């Protein structure tokens, strides 16, 4: 029966009984109460270790969700050109030369057609 629905909160008399409950896993309805019982009686170093492990897991989950978001946005991302000014000048010169070549070709083609 759900402990919130009945208002019943199990009390553990020893760390051993709480550990046995935790070893059963989340299928045991009292696993959360057992974990709280053990955390209340844990040494400060153990509490620090549990907090660190929780933070590491939280960062891993955030990293996974960021990777999924970045992966999904790659298809829809806009092109971003991070070019230096010299590269832009070179691109403009090449573009200008190409346009000049096209104008020269069309001019010669129109002179020969006449």
Protein backbone atom coordinates (compact mmCIF):
# COMPACT_ATOMS: atom_id res chain seq x y z
CA UNK A 1 0.00 0.00 0.00
CA UNK A 2 1.25 3.50 -0.78
CA UNK A 3 2.66 5.13 2.34
CA UNK A 4 1.36 8.58 1.36
CA UNK A 5 -2.18 7.32 0.89
CA UNK A 6 -2.30 5.55 4.26
CA UNK A 7 -0.22 8.08 6.19
CA UNK A 8 1.96 5.21 7.45
CA UNK A 9 5.66 5.93 7.63
CA UNK A 10 7.81 2.93 8.52
CA UNK A 11 10.26 3.23 11.37
CA UNK A 12 13.48 1.31 11.26
CA UNK A 13 15.08 0.06 14.44
CA UNK A 14 18.51 -0.57 12.96
CA UNK A 15 20.70 0.32 10.05
CA UNK A 16 20.73 -3.34 9.07
CA UNK A 17 16.98 -3.47 8.49
CA UNK A 18 17.13 -0.22 6.50
CA UNK A 19 19.99 -1.61 4.39
CA UNK A 20 18.05 -4.81 3.70
CA UNK A 21 15.12 -2.69 2.52
CA UNK A 22 17.40 -0.68 0.23
CA UNK A 23 18.98 -3.82 -1.21
CA UNK A 24 15.54 -4.98 -2.37
CA UNK A 25 15.45 -1.87 -4.52
CA UNK A 26 12.73 0.54 -5.55
CA UNK A 27 10.24 -2.29 -5.76
CA UNK A 28 10.04 -2.10 -1.96
CA UNK A 29 7.58 0.70 -1.05
CA UNK A 30 9.71 1.61 1.99
CA UNK A 31 12.98 2.18 0.13
CA UNK A 32 12.75 5.98 0.38
CA UNK A 33 12.11 5.87 4.13
CA UNK A 34 15.04 3.49 4.52
CA UNK A 35 17.32 5.83 2.57
CA UNK A 36 16.22 8.80 4.70
CA UNK A 37 16.81 6.78 7.89
CA UNK A 38 20.34 5.92 6.80
CA UNK A 39 21.15 9.46 5.64
CA UNK A 40 20.01 10.92 8.98
CA UNK A 41 22.45 8.65 10.81
CA UNK A 42 25.31 8.85 8.30
CA UNK A 43 28.66 10.41 9.11
CA UNK A 44 29.35 13.86 7.63
CA UNK A 45 31.84 12.37 5.16
CA UNK A 46 29.23 9.93 3.90
CA UNK A 47 26.69 12.75 3.48
CA UNK A 48 29.27 14.73 1.51
CA UNK A 49 29.94 11.71 -0.69
CA UNK A 50 26.22 11.24 -1.34
CA UNK A 51 25.83 14.93 -2.23
CA UNK A 52 28.82 14.73 -4.60
CA UNK A 53 27.45 11.59 -6.27
CA UNK A 54 24.06 13.26 -6.68
CA UNK A 55 25.65 16.33 -8.26
CA UNK A 56 27.72 14.20 -10.64
CA UNK A 57 24.62 12.32 -11.77
CA UNK A 58 22.74 15.61 -12.24
CA UNK A 59 25.57 16.98 -14.41
CA UNK A 60 25.62 13.79 -16.49
CA UNK A 61 21.88 14.09 -17.12
CA UNK A 62 22.24 17.77 -18.06
CA UNK A 63 25.11 16.92 -20.41
CA UNK A 64 23.04 14.21 -22.10
CA UNK A 65 20.11 16.58 -22.59
CA UNK A 66 22.43 19.28 -23.96
CA UNK A 67 23.90 16.81 -26.44
CA UNK A 68 20.40 15.84 -27.57
CA UNK A 69 19.45 19.49 -27.99
CA UNK A 70 22.62 20.32 -29.90
CA UNK A 71 22.21 17.23 -32.08
CA UNK A 72 18.66 18.22 -32.95
CA UNK A 73 19.64 21.81 -33.72
CA UNK A 74 22.43 20.85 -36.15
CA UNK A 75 19.90 20.16 -38.87
CA UNK A 76 18.20 23.52 -38.41
CA UNK A 77 21.25 25.63 -37.60
CA UNK A 78 22.16 28.66 -39.68
CA UNK A 79 25.54 29.01 -41.33
CA UNK A 80 27.84 31.12 -39.23
CA UNK A 81 30.99 32.42 -40.86
CA UNK A 82 33.78 33.23 -38.43
CA UNK A 83 36.28 34.63 -40.91
CA UNK A 84 39.02 37.18 -40.32
CA UNK A 85 39.01 40.46 -42.23
CA UNK A 86 41.76 39.22 -44.55
CA UNK A 87 39.67 36.18 -45.49
CA UNK A 88 36.69 38.45 -46.22
CA UNK A 89 38.88 40.63 -48.46
CA UNK A 90 40.08 37.53 -50.32
CA UNK A 91 36.49 36.32 -50.77
CA UNK A 92 35.41 39.73 -52.09
CA UNK A 93 38.36 39.81 -54.50
CA UNK A 94 37.58 36.32 -55.82
CA UNK A 95 33.88 37.20 -56.13
CA UNK A 96 34.69 40.45 -57.90
CA UNK A 97 37.04 38.65 -60.26
CA UNK A 98 34.38 36.04 -61.05
CA UNK A 99 31.77 38.72 -61.74
CA UNK A 100 34.28 40.59 -63.94
CA UNK A 101 34.97 37.38 -65.88
CA UNK A 102 31.23 36.81 -66.43
CA UNK A 103 30.78 40.40 -67.65
CA UNK A 104 33.73 40.00 -70.06
CA UNK A 105 32.31 36.69 -71.41
CA UNK A 106 28.84 38.20 -71.98
CA UNK A 107 30.35 41.32 -73.56
CA UNK A 108 32.44 39.24 -76.01
CA UNK A 109 29.48 36.96 -76.74
CA UNK A 110 27.26 39.95 -77.54
CA UNK A 111 29.93 41.51 -79.82
CA UNK A 112 30.27 38.26 -81.80
CA UNK A 113 26.49 37.94 -82.11
CA UNK A 114 26.23 41.37 -83.73
